[in-house]
C-alpha atoms as a PDB file:
ATOM      1  CA  MET A   1     -18.834  54.840 119.114  1.00  0.00           C
ATOM      2  CA  ASN A   2     -17.248  57.256 116.640  1.00  0.00           C
ATOM      3  CA  LYS A   3     -18.303  60.822 117.170  1.00  0.00           C
ATOM      4  CA  ILE A   4     -18.587  62.945 114.071  1.00  0.00           C
ATOM      5  CA  ILE A   5     -17.589  66.475 114.926  1.00  0.00           C
ATOM      6  CA  SER A   6     -19.397  69.433 113.474  1.00  0.00           C
ATOM      7  CA  SER A   7     -17.689  72.005 111.280  1.00  0.00           C
ATOM      8  CA  GLU A   8     -17.829  74.453 114.206  1.00  0.00           C
ATOM      9  CA  GLU A   9     -16.112  71.969 116.525  1.00  0.00           C
ATOM     10  CA  LYS A  10     -13.467  71.258 113.879  1.00  0.00           C
ATOM     11  CA  LYS A  11     -12.907  74.985 113.428  1.00  0.00           C
ATOM     12  CA  ASP A  12     -12.519  75.411 117.208  1.00  0.00           C
ATOM     13  CA  ILE A  13     -10.021  72.537 117.459  1.00  0.00           C
ATOM     14  CA  THR A  14      -8.090  73.903 114.466  1.00  0.00           C
ATOM     15  CA  CYS A  15      -7.843  77.332 116.105  1.00  0.00           C
ATOM     16  CA  LYS A  16      -6.566  75.779 119.333  1.00  0.00           C
ATOM     17  CA  LEU A  17      -3.909  73.861 117.416  1.00  0.00           C
ATOM     18  CA  ALA A  18      -2.922  77.020 115.531  1.00  0.00           C
ATOM     19  CA  VAL A  19      -2.328  78.754 118.863  1.00  0.00           C
ATOM     20  CA  ALA A  20      -0.477  75.765 120.323  1.00  0.00           C
ATOM     21  CA  PHE A  21       1.836  75.446 117.310  1.00  0.00           C
ATOM     22  CA  ARG A  22       2.053  79.141 116.433  1.00  0.00           C
ATOM     23  CA  GLU A  23       5.861  79.298 116.575  1.00  0.00           C
ATOM     24  CA  GLU A  24       6.370  76.064 114.653  1.00  0.00           C
ATOM     25  CA  ILE A  25       4.085  76.991 111.754  1.00  0.00           C
ATOM     26  CA  ARG A  26       4.607  80.742 111.499  1.00  0.00           C
ATOM     27  CA  ASN A  27       7.065  80.457 108.571  1.00  0.00           C
ATOM     28  CA  LEU A  28       4.620  78.432 106.488  1.00  0.00           C
ATOM     29  CA  SER A  29       2.282  80.089 104.031  1.00  0.00           C
ATOM     30  CA  LYS A  30      -1.318  80.515 105.180  1.00  0.00           C
ATOM     31  CA  GLU A  31      -2.362  77.771 102.777  1.00  0.00           C
ATOM     32  CA  TYR A  32       0.206  75.321 104.159  1.00  0.00           C
ATOM     33  CA  GLN A  33      -0.757  76.224 107.723  1.00  0.00           C
ATOM     34  CA  GLU A  34      -4.395  75.427 106.959  1.00  0.00           C
ATOM     35  CA  ILE A  35      -3.470  72.140 105.288  1.00  0.00           C
ATOM     36  CA  LEU A  36      -1.216  71.076 108.165  1.00  0.00           C
ATOM     37  CA  LEU A  37      -3.758  71.990 110.844  1.00  0.00           C
ATOM     38  CA  ASP A  38      -6.529  70.170 108.991  1.00  0.00           C
ATOM     39  CA  ASP A  39      -4.281  67.105 108.692  1.00  0.00           C
ATOM     40  CA  LEU A  40      -3.546  67.212 112.433  1.00  0.00           C
ATOM     41  CA  VAL A  41      -7.236  67.351 113.332  1.00  0.00           C
ATOM     42  CA  THR A  42      -8.038  64.500 110.935  1.00  0.00           C
ATOM     43  CA  ALA A  43      -5.130  62.391 112.230  1.00  0.00           C
ATOM     44  CA  PHE A  44      -6.287  62.942 115.812  1.00  0.00           C
ATOM     45  CA  GLN A  45      -9.851  61.929 114.942  1.00  0.00           C
ATOM     46  CA  ASN A  46      -8.613  58.798 113.196  1.00  0.00           C
ATOM     47  CA  ARG A  47      -6.337  57.821 116.082  1.00  0.00           C
ATOM     48  CA  ILE A  48      -9.123  58.258 118.622  1.00  0.00           C
ATOM     49  CA  ALA A  49     -11.414  56.111 116.458  1.00  0.00           C
ATOM     50  CA  VAL A  50      -8.775  53.346 116.377  1.00  0.00           C
ATOM     51  CA  PHE A  51      -8.250  53.485 120.149  1.00  0.00           C
ATOM     52  CA  ASN A  52     -12.001  53.394 120.734  1.00  0.00           C
ATOM     53  CA  LYS A  53     -12.312  50.382 118.440  1.00  0.00           C
ATOM     54  CA  ILE A  54      -9.462  48.573 120.203  1.00  0.00           C
ATOM     55  CA  ASN A  55     -10.957  49.375 123.590  1.00  0.00           C
ATOM     56  CA  PHE A  56     -14.346  48.074 122.418  1.00  0.00           C
ATOM     57  CA  GLU A  57     -12.845  44.894 120.977  1.00  0.00           C
ATOM     58  CA  ASN A  58     -11.027  44.161 124.260  1.00  0.00           C
ATOM     59  CA  HIS A  59     -14.371  43.666 126.017  1.00  0.00           C
ATOM     60  CA  LEU A  60     -16.482  40.587 125.506  1.00  0.00           C
ATOM     61  CA  ASP A  61     -19.950  40.014 126.913  1.00  0.00           C
ATOM     62  CA  THR A  62     -21.406  36.544 127.288  1.00  0.00           C
ATOM     63  CA  LYS A  63     -25.059  35.660 126.962  1.00  0.00           C
ATOM     64  CA  ASP A  64     -25.127  35.564 130.792  1.00  0.00           C
ATOM     65  CA  ASN A  65     -24.065  39.254 130.796  1.00  0.00           C
ATOM     66  CA  ILE A  66     -20.664  38.444 132.255  1.00  0.00           C
ATOM     67  CA  GLU A  67     -18.101  40.905 130.970  1.00  0.00           C
ATOM     68  CA  PHE A  68     -14.597  39.733 130.177  1.00  0.00           C
ATOM     69  CA  HIS A  69     -11.684  42.084 129.622  1.00  0.00           C
ATOM     70  CA  CYS A  70      -9.176  40.738 127.113  1.00  0.00           C
ATOM     71  CA  ASN A  71      -5.834  42.372 127.677  1.00  0.00           C
ATOM     72  CA  PRO A  72      -3.270  42.504 124.878  1.00  0.00           C
ATOM     73  CA  VAL A  73      -0.421  40.028 125.132  1.00  0.00           C
ATOM     74  CA  VAL A  74       2.192  42.797 125.085  1.00  0.00           C
ATOM     75  CA  ASN A  75       1.803  45.893 127.219  1.00  0.00           C
ATOM     76  CA  HIS A  76       4.094  48.567 125.798  1.00  0.00           C
ATOM     77  CA  LEU A  77       3.699  50.784 128.872  1.00  0.00           C
ATOM     78  CA  GLU A  78       5.126  48.097 131.142  1.00  0.00           C
ATOM     79  CA  GLU A  79       8.175  47.683 128.895  1.00  0.00           C
ATOM     80  CA  GLN A  80       9.285  51.279 129.430  1.00  0.00           C
END
């Protein structure tokens, strides 16, 4: 369920974020840029893992192989 990304994949994602946020991070030292970008990649990985877990937990299978989808009580998208 949780994919562990390789160091090459992490490096690629970090480079893409550096390009995307070039203007916002340009005044930071190189060290702080690296720390921030690493934090962003880690935060993204963690968030995806949580969403995958929630999505997995919202599905129940019975012994008869009938799948039930358990929707959350509150749907924040509908409230907007």
